[in-house]
Amino acid sequence: MPIRLTAAQQEAYERDGFVAPIDIFSPAEAADIRAALEEAERRWPEGMAGANRNNAHYVLPALDAITHDSRILDAVEDLIGPDILVAGTTLFIKEPETKGFISWHQDARYIGLEPHDWVTGWLAISNVTEENGDTYGEDNLLTRGQTVPDVDEDAAVAVPLKPGQLSLHHPRIVHGSGPNMSGERRIGFAMQSYIAPNVEQVIGRIWVQQARGTDRFGHHDTAPRPNGAMQPRDIQFRDEANERLSDIFYAGASRKGRY
């Protein structure tokens, strides 16, 4: 019997590869999260820009708390079971009226997590609407411009989210988002990804956090949780984790991109 999701939502995930929207945080909670994030951006602009948006939960308690929130973990448990590891996070921020986009891609294609007993959570921190909704494209926000060709965009399903709402998607689902042509920042926080302990990193080695249950396999190194905002030791750890992540994302590539 599901904990957080309804039976219909579980069926939708099995059928479609994603489920959304899932109500997680209240509007007031979502506003507090955004305020904490934007305060961090004001205080540490370089520390919250570019590649430093990868694994920002290692340096910001507000994002760490999201990653380990029981309401999100309940929904994840309904899809992959009670033993859950956090394998990484990414902040996706599109400023108003900018060209940055996320091309059509599959997470499973480049992350190196096998088997596919995992799920990515994507939390809306701002409104997410259709308007803001290896090519190395100049404006592509993905690491290597990972692009699935010939996607039938007429068959695509829009997934608008309000602040505090979550979507969950399977690693093989094709997804993406266009440039933000609206006048509002588009802020999303991807928990990429929640994995079952049997999942291995077949390209390199990563750190993970134990979010729920037990880990009987021990395939990965154990990551700490932050003691405060932007602590030097936590920043150093995040940078080391991101260097490992970069090696995985760009394995076999002739050069590295900006992210």
C-alpha atoms as a PDB file:
ATOM      1  CA  MET A   1       0.000   0.000   0.000  1.00  0.00           C
ATOM      2  CA  PRO A   2       1.521   3.375  -0.971  1.00  0.00           C
ATOM      3  CA  ILE A   3       2.713   5.773   1.729  1.00  0.00           C
ATOM      4  CA  ARG A   4       2.569   9.135  -0.045  1.00  0.00           C
ATOM      5  CA  LEU A   5       1.430   8.508  -3.587  1.00  0.00           C
ATOM      6  CA  THR A   6      -2.015   7.313  -4.526  1.00  0.00           C
ATOM      7  CA  ALA A   7      -2.489   4.039  -6.350  1.00  0.00           C
ATOM      8  CA  ALA A   8      -3.365   6.069  -9.435  1.00  0.00           C
ATOM      9  CA  GLN A   9      -0.086   7.983  -9.181  1.00  0.00           C
ATOM     10  CA  GLN A  10       1.891   4.760  -8.880  1.00  0.00           C
ATOM     11  CA  GLU A  11       0.103   3.421 -11.944  1.00  0.00           C
ATOM     12  CA  ALA A  12       0.853   6.640 -13.834  1.00  0.00           C
ATOM     13  CA  TYR A  13       4.551   6.286 -13.054  1.00  0.00           C
ATOM     14  CA  GLU A  14       4.592   2.663 -14.224  1.00  0.00           C
ATOM     15  CA  ARG A  15       2.750   3.611 -17.412  1.00  0.00           C
ATOM     16  CA  ASP A  16       4.317   6.974 -18.284  1.00  0.00           C
ATOM     17  CA  GLY A  17       7.689   7.011 -16.521  1.00  0.00           C
ATOM     18  CA  PHE A  18       6.851  10.084 -14.453  1.00  0.00           C
ATOM     19  CA  VAL A  19       4.343  11.345 -11.926  1.00  0.00           C
ATOM     20  CA  ALA A  20       3.452  15.006 -11.260  1.00  0.00           C
ATOM     21  CA  PRO A  21       2.457  17.191  -9.613  1.00  0.00           C
ATOM     22  CA  ILE A  22       2.985  15.851  -6.102  1.00  0.00           C
ATOM     23  CA  ASP A  23       2.178  18.324  -3.323  1.00  0.00           C
ATOM     24  CA  ILE A  24       5.087  18.443  -0.870  1.00  0.00           C
ATOM     25  CA  PHE A  25       5.711  21.898   0.625  1.00  0.00           C
ATOM     26  CA  SER A  26       3.097  24.512   1.454  1.00  0.00           C
ATOM     27  CA  PRO A  27       3.322  27.895  -0.309  1.00  0.00           C
ATOM     28  CA  ALA A  28       4.797  29.386   2.879  1.00  0.00           C
ATOM     29  CA  GLU A  29       7.425  26.641   3.120  1.00  0.00           C
ATOM     30  CA  ALA A  30       8.311  27.070  -0.549  1.00  0.00           C
ATOM     31  CA  ALA A  31       8.674  30.827  -0.036  1.00  0.00           C
ATOM     32  CA  ASP A  32      11.036  30.209   2.889  1.00  0.00           C
ATOM     33  CA  ILE A  33      13.138  27.846   0.765  1.00  0.00           C
ATOM     34  CA  ARG A  34      13.380  30.424  -2.005  1.00  0.00           C
ATOM     35  CA  ALA A  35      14.292  33.147   0.465  1.00  0.00           C
ATOM     36  CA  ALA A  36      17.090  31.012   1.948  1.00  0.00           C
ATOM     37  CA  LEU A  37      18.430  30.163  -1.504  1.00  0.00           C
ATOM     38  CA  GLU A  38      18.386  33.743  -2.762  1.00  0.00           C
ATOM     39  CA  GLU A  39      19.989  35.002   0.438  1.00  0.00           C
ATOM     40  CA  ALA A  40      22.815  32.509  -0.158  1.00  0.00           C
ATOM     41  CA  GLU A  41      23.136  33.781  -3.728  1.00  0.00           C
ATOM     42  CA  ARG A  42      23.453  37.349  -2.424  1.00  0.00           C
ATOM     43  CA  ARG A  43      26.043  36.434   0.205  1.00  0.00           C
ATOM     44  CA  TRP A  44      28.094  33.999  -1.897  1.00  0.00           C
ATOM     45  CA  PRO A  45      27.402  34.793  -5.560  1.00  0.00           C
ATOM     46  CA  GLU A  46      30.378  32.856  -6.934  1.00  0.00           C
ATOM     47  CA  GLY A  47      29.727  29.933  -4.616  1.00  0.00           C
ATOM     48  CA  MET A  48      26.195  29.536  -5.966  1.00  0.00           C
ATOM     49  CA  ALA A  49      26.871  29.985  -9.684  1.00  0.00           C
ATOM     50  CA  GLY A  50      27.776  27.716 -12.585  1.00  0.00           C
ATOM     51  CA  ALA A  51      29.160  24.322 -11.637  1.00  0.00           C
ATOM     52  CA  ASN A  52      28.801  25.185  -7.943  1.00  0.00           C
ATOM     53  CA  ARG A  53      25.070  24.571  -8.342  1.00  0.00           C
ATOM     54  CA  ASN A  54      25.918  20.886  -8.513  1.00  0.00           C
ATOM     55  CA  ASN A  55      25.644  19.228  -5.093  1.00  0.00           C
ATOM     56  CA  ALA A  56      24.730  22.498  -3.394  1.00  0.00           C
ATOM     57  CA  HIS A  57      22.992  20.432  -0.706  1.00  0.00           C
ATOM     58  CA  TYR A  58      26.457  19.735   0.695  1.00  0.00           C
ATOM     59  CA  VAL A  59      26.903  23.427   1.563  1.00  0.00           C
ATOM     60  CA  LEU A  60      23.382  24.763   2.225  1.00  0.00           C
ATOM     61  CA  PRO A  61      21.311  23.301   5.070  1.00  0.00           C
ATOM     62  CA  ALA A  62      18.075  24.495   3.413  1.00  0.00           C
ATOM     63  CA  LEU A  63      18.760  22.285   0.388  1.00  0.00           C
ATOM     64  CA  ASP A  64      20.042  19.428   2.544  1.00  0.00           C
ATOM     65  CA  ALA A  65      16.746  19.527   4.453  1.00  0.00           C
ATOM     66  CA  ILE A  66      14.768  19.233   1.202  1.00  0.00           C
ATOM     67  CA  THR A  67      16.805  16.249   0.105  1.00  0.00           C
ATOM     68  CA  HIS A  68      16.064  14.404   3.349  1.00  0.00           C
ATOM     69  CA  ASP A  69      12.482  15.590   3.851  1.00  0.00           C
ATOM     70  CA  SER A  70      10.282  12.663   4.890  1.00  0.00           C
ATOM     71  CA  ARG A  71       7.456  13.726   2.590  1.00  0.00           C
ATOM     72  CA  ILE A  72       9.682  13.441  -0.458  1.00  0.00           C
ATOM     73  CA  LEU A  73      11.245  10.214   0.785  1.00  0.00           C
ATOM     74  CA  ASP A  74       7.770   8.718   1.315  1.00  0.00           C
ATOM     75  CA  ALA A  75       6.958   9.345  -2.350  1.00  0.00           C
ATOM     76  CA  VAL A  76      10.313   7.942  -3.459  1.00  0.00           C
ATOM     77  CA  GLU A  77       9.805   4.854  -1.290  1.00  0.00           C
ATOM     78  CA  ASP A  78       6.530   4.215  -3.080  1.00  0.00           C
ATOM     79  CA  LEU A  79       8.554   3.832  -6.290  1.00  0.00           C
ATOM     80  CA  ILE A  80      11.910   2.233  -5.393  1.00  0.00           C
ATOM     81  CA  GLY A  81      11.397   0.744  -1.928  1.00  0.00           C
ATOM     82  CA  PRO A  82      12.424   1.577   1.658  1.00  0.00           C
ATOM     83  CA  ASP A  83      16.223   1.633   1.253  1.00  0.00           C
ATOM     84  CA  ILE A  84      17.163   4.987  -0.283  1.00  0.00           C
ATOM     85  CA  LEU A  85      20.486   6.709  -1.000  1.00  0.00           C
ATOM     86  CA  VAL A  86      20.949  10.301  -2.207  1.00  0.00           C
ATOM     87  CA  ALA A  87      23.392  10.284  -5.109  1.00  0.00           C
ATOM     88  CA  GLY A  88      23.511  14.019  -5.875  1.00  0.00           C
ATOM     89  CA  THR A  89      21.572  17.223  -6.522  1.00  0.00           C
ATOM     90  CA  THR A  90      21.541  20.081  -9.019  1.00  0.00           C
ATOM     91  CA  LEU A  91      20.034  23.551  -8.930  1.00  0.00           C
ATOM     92  CA  PHE A  92      18.499  24.521 -12.271  1.00  0.00           C
ATOM     93  CA  ILE A  93      17.979  28.287 -12.423  1.00  0.00           C
ATOM     94  CA  LYS A  94      16.891  30.164 -15.534  1.00  0.00           C
ATOM     95  CA  GLU A  95      16.921  33.917 -15.301  1.00  0.00           C
ATOM     96  CA  PRO A  96      14.073  35.891 -16.922  1.00  0.00           C
ATOM     97  CA  GLU A  97      14.167  36.220 -20.704  1.00  0.00           C
ATOM     98  CA  THR A  98      17.324  34.139 -21.201  1.00  0.00           C
ATOM     99  CA  LYS A  99      18.218  31.516 -23.804  1.00  0.00           C
ATOM    100  CA  GLY A 100      19.369  28.710 -21.515  1.00  0.00           C
ATOM    101  CA  PHE A 101      17.495  25.451 -22.109  1.00  0.00           C
ATOM    102  CA  ILE A 102      17.566  21.763 -21.238  1.00  0.00           C
ATOM    103  CA  SER A 103      17.640  19.647 -24.387  1.00  0.00           C
ATOM    104  CA  TRP A 104      15.688  16.404 -24.740  1.00  0.00           C
ATOM    105  CA  HIS A 105      17.668  13.770 -22.873  1.00  0.00           C
ATOM    106  CA  GLN A 106      17.583  10.632 -20.731  1.00  0.00           C
ATOM    107  CA  ASP A 107      19.317  10.698 -17.344  1.00  0.00           C
ATOM    108  CA  ALA A 108      20.268   7.024 -17.672  1.00  0.00           C
ATOM    109  CA  ARG A 109      22.296   7.774 -20.795  1.00  0.00           C
ATOM    110  CA  TYR A 110      25.129   9.640 -19.076  1.00  0.00           C
ATOM    111  CA  ILE A 111      24.962   9.318 -15.280  1.00  0.00           C
ATOM    112  CA  GLY A 112      26.404   5.774 -15.093  1.00  0.00           C
ATOM    113  CA  LEU A 113      24.061   4.363 -12.434  1.00  0.00           C
ATOM    114  CA  GLU A 114      23.191   0.720 -13.067  1.00  0.00           C
ATOM    115  CA  PRO A 115      20.733  -0.967 -12.814  1.00  0.00           C
ATOM    116  CA  HIS A 116      17.987   1.615 -13.219  1.00  0.00           C
ATOM    117  CA  ASP A 117      16.483   1.157  -9.751  1.00  0.00           C
ATOM    118  CA  TRP A 118      16.436   4.894  -9.163  1.00  0.00           C
ATOM    119  CA  VAL A 119      14.318   7.967  -9.614  1.00  0.00           C
ATOM    120  CA  THR A 120      14.986  11.681 -10.029  1.00  0.00           C
ATOM    121  CA  GLY A 121      13.001  14.184  -7.992  1.00  0.00           C
ATOM    122  CA  TRP A 122      12.486  17.709  -9.356  1.00  0.00           C
ATOM    123  CA  LEU A 123      11.152  20.304  -6.913  1.00  0.00           C
ATOM    124  CA  ALA A 124       9.699  23.606  -8.101  1.00  0.00           C
ATOM    125  CA  ILE A 125      10.950  26.512  -5.983  1.00  0.00           C
ATOM    126  CA  SER A 126       9.334  29.055  -8.304  1.00  0.00           C
ATOM    127  CA  ASN A 127       6.400  28.733 -10.665  1.00  0.00           C
ATOM    128  CA  VAL A 128       7.204  26.358 -13.527  1.00  0.00           C
ATOM    129  CA  THR A 129       5.129  27.029 -16.620  1.00  0.00           C
ATOM    130  CA  GLU A 130       5.291  26.249 -20.330  1.00  0.00           C
ATOM    131  CA  GLU A 131       6.529  29.797 -20.898  1.00  0.00           C
ATOM    132  CA  ASN A 132       9.538  29.407 -18.731  1.00  0.00           C
ATOM    133  CA  GLY A 133       9.519  26.123 -19.423  1.00  0.00           C
ATOM    134  CA  ASP A 134      27.038  15.911 -27.508  1.00  0.00           C
ATOM    135  CA  THR A 135      26.295  19.132 -29.167  1.00  0.00           C
ATOM    136  CA  TYR A 136      27.814  21.451 -26.594  1.00  0.00           C
ATOM    137  CA  GLY A 137      25.240  24.041 -27.561  1.00  0.00           C
ATOM    138  CA  GLU A 138      26.204  27.459 -26.240  1.00  0.00           C
ATOM    139  CA  ASP A 139      22.947  27.847 -24.312  1.00  0.00           C
ATOM    140  CA  ASN A 140      22.422  24.191 -23.348  1.00  0.00           C
ATOM    141  CA  LEU A 141      22.478  23.831 -19.552  1.00  0.00           C
ATOM    142  CA  LEU A 142      23.337  20.123 -19.674  1.00  0.00           C
ATOM    143  CA  THR A 143      26.974  19.099 -19.169  1.00  0.00           C
ATOM    144  CA  ARG A 144      27.622  17.644 -22.617  1.00  0.00           C
ATOM    145  CA  GLY A 145      24.578  18.979 -24.439  1.00  0.00           C
ATOM    146  CA  GLN A 146      23.118  15.468 -24.248  1.00  0.00           C
ATOM    147  CA  THR A 147      20.366  15.426 -26.847  1.00  0.00           C
ATOM    148  CA  VAL A 148      17.912  12.761 -27.995  1.00  0.00           C
ATOM    149  CA  PRO A 149      17.323  13.423 -31.707  1.00  0.00           C
ATOM    150  CA  ASP A 150      14.001  13.389 -33.560  1.00  0.00           C
ATOM    151  CA  VAL A 151      11.743  13.755 -30.525  1.00  0.00           C
ATOM    152  CA  ASP A 152       8.093  14.149 -31.490  1.00  0.00           C
ATOM    153  CA  GLU A 153       7.400  17.359 -29.597  1.00  0.00           C
ATOM    154  CA  ASP A 154       3.708  17.188 -30.502  1.00  0.00           C
ATOM    155  CA  ALA A 155       3.483  14.113 -28.274  1.00  0.00           C
ATOM    156  CA  ALA A 156       5.292  15.770 -25.354  1.00  0.00           C
ATOM    157  CA  VAL A 157       3.427  16.341 -22.087  1.00  0.00           C
ATOM    158  CA  ALA A 158       3.810  19.665 -20.296  1.00  0.00           C
ATOM    159  CA  VAL A 159       4.398  19.402 -16.539  1.00  0.00           C
ATOM    160  CA  PRO A 160       3.621  22.780 -14.946  1.00  0.00           C
ATOM    161  CA  LEU A 161       4.414  22.972 -11.240  1.00  0.00           C
ATOM    162  CA  LYS A 162       3.652  25.431  -8.482  1.00  0.00           C
ATOM    163  CA  PRO A 163       6.243  26.305  -5.815  1.00  0.00           C
ATOM    164  CA  GLY A 164       6.543  23.360  -3.430  1.00  0.00           C
ATOM    165  CA  GLN A 165       5.328  20.756  -5.922  1.00  0.00           C
ATOM    166  CA  LEU A 166       7.437  17.784  -6.971  1.00  0.00           C
ATOM    167  CA  SER A 167       7.755  15.630 -10.043  1.00  0.00           C
ATOM    168  CA  LEU A 168       9.393  12.205 -10.055  1.00  0.00           C
ATOM    169  CA  HIS A 169      10.727  10.617 -13.227  1.00  0.00           C
ATOM    170  CA  HIS A 170      12.355   7.371 -14.294  1.00  0.00           C
ATOM    171  CA  PRO A 171      15.952   7.529 -15.606  1.00  0.00           C
ATOM    172  CA  ARG A 172      14.920   6.392 -19.084  1.00  0.00           C
ATOM    173  CA  ILE A 173      12.121   8.922 -19.652  1.00  0.00           C
ATOM    174  CA  VAL A 174      12.958  11.522 -22.319  1.00  0.00           C
ATOM    175  CA  HIS A 175      12.535  15.029 -20.905  1.00  0.00           C
ATOM    176  CA  GLY A 176      13.739  18.599 -21.278  1.00  0.00           C
ATOM    177  CA  SER A 177      12.678  22.241 -20.994  1.00  0.00           C
ATOM    178  CA  GLY A 178      12.818  25.320 -23.183  1.00  0.00           C
ATOM    179  CA  PRO A 179      14.261  28.785 -22.524  1.00  0.00           C
ATOM    180  CA  ASN A 180      12.686  31.065 -19.951  1.00  0.00           C
ATOM    181  CA  MET A 181      10.851  33.697 -21.967  1.00  0.00           C
ATOM    182  CA  SER A 182       8.883  34.942 -18.957  1.00  0.00           C
ATOM    183  CA  GLY A 183       9.675  37.815 -16.626  1.00  0.00           C
ATOM    184  CA  GLU A 184      10.132  35.531 -13.583  1.00  0.00           C
ATOM    185  CA  ARG A 185      13.099  33.451 -12.438  1.00  0.00           C
ATOM    186  CA  ARG A 186      12.563  29.739 -12.964  1.00  0.00           C
ATOM    187  CA  ILE A 187      14.091  27.861 -10.023  1.00  0.00           C
ATOM    188  CA  GLY A 188      14.125  24.104  -9.738  1.00  0.00           C
ATOM    189  CA  PHE A 189      16.013  21.739  -7.460  1.00  0.00           C
ATOM    190  CA  ALA A 190      16.756  18.304  -8.897  1.00  0.00           C
ATOM    191  CA  MET A 191      17.546  15.462  -6.527  1.00  0.00           C
ATOM    192  CA  GLN A 192      19.498  13.520  -9.094  1.00  0.00           C
ATOM    193  CA  SER A 193      19.056  10.956  -7.957  1.00  0.00           C
ATOM    194  CA  TYR A 194      17.498   8.766  -5.286  1.00  0.00           C
ATOM    195  CA  ILE A 195      18.947   5.305  -5.789  1.00  0.00           C
ATOM    196  CA  ALA A 196      18.412   1.874  -4.281  1.00  0.00           C
ATOM    197  CA  PRO A 197      21.545   0.530  -2.544  1.00  0.00           C
ATOM    198  CA  ASN A 198      22.047  -2.186  -5.174  1.00  0.00           C
ATOM    199  CA  VAL A 199      22.717   0.494  -7.813  1.00  0.00           C
ATOM    200  CA  GLU A 200      26.385   0.856  -8.767  1.00  0.00           C
ATOM    201  CA  GLN A 201      28.269   3.712 -10.420  1.00  0.00           C
ATOM    202  CA  VAL A 202      29.796   1.965 -13.443  1.00  0.00           C
ATOM    203  CA  ILE A 203      31.806   4.921 -14.785  1.00  0.00           C
ATOM    204  CA  GLY A 204      33.498   6.195 -11.621  1.00  0.00           C
ATOM    205  CA  ARG A 205      32.974   6.474  -7.890  1.00  0.00           C
ATOM    206  CA  ILE A 206      30.605   8.789  -6.032  1.00  0.00           C
ATOM    207  CA  TRP A 207      29.631   9.809  -2.546  1.00  0.00           C
ATOM    208  CA  VAL A 208      26.099   9.177  -1.325  1.00  0.00           C
ATOM    209  CA  GLN A 209      24.069   9.938   1.783  1.00  0.00           C
ATOM    210  CA  GLN A 210      21.892   7.383   3.535  1.00  0.00           C
ATOM    211  CA  ALA A 211      18.427   8.898   3.343  1.00  0.00           C
ATOM    212  CA  ARG A 212      16.320   5.995   4.569  1.00  0.00           C
ATOM    213  CA  GLY A 213      16.587   2.320   5.438  1.00  0.00           C
ATOM    214  CA  THR A 214      19.843   0.366   5.223  1.00  0.00           C
ATOM    215  CA  ASP A 215      22.640  -0.147   2.736  1.00  0.00           C
ATOM    216  CA  ARG A 216      23.593  -3.824   2.513  1.00  0.00           C
ATOM    217  CA  PHE A 217      25.824  -3.330  -0.547  1.00  0.00           C
ATOM    218  CA  GLY A 218      28.299  -0.540   0.276  1.00  0.00           C
ATOM    219  CA  HIS A 219      29.024   0.333  -3.355  1.00  0.00           C
ATOM    220  CA  HIS A 220      29.683   4.017  -2.615  1.00  0.00           C
ATOM    221  CA  ASP A 221      31.524   6.323  -0.219  1.00  0.00           C
ATOM    222  CA  THR A 222      29.464   8.024   2.488  1.00  0.00           C
ATOM    223  CA  ALA A 223      28.971  11.794   2.303  1.00  0.00           C
ATOM    224  CA  PRO A 224      28.553  14.080   5.339  1.00  0.00           C
ATOM    225  CA  ARG A 225      25.711  16.535   5.876  1.00  0.00           C
ATOM    226  CA  PRO A 226      26.464  20.270   6.258  1.00  0.00           C
ATOM    227  CA  ASN A 227      26.900  21.843   9.691  1.00  0.00           C
ATOM    228  CA  GLY A 228      26.051  25.361   8.478  1.00  0.00           C
ATOM    229  CA  ALA A 229      25.870  27.514   5.365  1.00  0.00           C
ATOM    230  CA  MET A 230      28.976  27.565   3.152  1.00  0.00           C
ATOM    231  CA  GLN A 231      31.373  26.188   5.736  1.00  0.00           C
ATOM    232  CA  PRO A 232      34.949  25.877   4.367  1.00  0.00           C
ATOM    233  CA  ARG A 233      35.156  22.139   5.043  1.00  0.00           C
ATOM    234  CA  ASP A 234      31.799  21.553   3.360  1.00  0.00           C
ATOM    235  CA  ILE A 235      32.815  23.662   0.350  1.00  0.00           C
ATOM    236  CA  GLN A 236      35.997  21.643  -0.029  1.00  0.00           C
ATOM    237  CA  PHE A 237      33.991  18.429   0.106  1.00  0.00           C
ATOM    238  CA  ARG A 238      31.462  19.694  -2.452  1.00  0.00           C
ATOM    239  CA  ASP A 239      34.285  20.634  -4.806  1.00  0.00           C
ATOM    240  CA  GLU A 240      35.819  17.170  -4.475  1.00  0.00           C
ATOM    241  CA  ALA A 241      32.444  15.550  -5.098  1.00  0.00           C
ATOM    242  CA  ASN A 242      31.882  17.736  -8.149  1.00  0.00           C
ATOM    243  CA  GLU A 243      35.303  16.855  -9.538  1.00  0.00           C
ATOM    244  CA  ARG A 244      34.369  13.187  -9.348  1.00  0.00           C
ATOM    245  CA  LEU A 245      31.037  14.008 -10.967  1.00  0.00           C
ATOM    246  CA  SER A 246      32.768  15.904 -13.755  1.00  0.00           C
ATOM    247  CA  ASP A 247      35.014  12.913 -14.460  1.00  0.00           C
ATOM    248  CA  ILE A 248      31.916  10.743 -14.777  1.00  0.00           C
ATOM    249  CA  PHE A 249      29.896  13.115 -16.955  1.00  0.00           C
ATOM    250  CA  TYR A 250      32.794  13.796 -19.329  1.00  0.00           C
ATOM    251  CA  ALA A 251      34.229  10.274 -19.450  1.00  0.00           C
ATOM    252  CA  GLY A 252      35.489   9.683 -22.979  1.00  0.00           C
ATOM    253  CA  ALA A 253      34.845  13.274 -24.071  1.00  0.00           C
ATOM    254  CA  SER A 254      37.479  15.327 -25.870  1.00  0.00           C
ATOM    255  CA  ARG A 255      36.844  18.325 -23.623  1.00  0.00           C
ATOM    256  CA  LYS A 256      34.793  19.482 -20.648  1.00  0.00           C
ATOM    257  CA  GLY A 257      31.960  21.999 -20.752  1.00  0.00           C
ATOM    258  CA  ARG A 258      30.960  24.738 -18.308  1.00  0.00           C
ATOM    259  CA  TYR A 259      28.817  22.546 -16.040  1.00  0.00           C
END
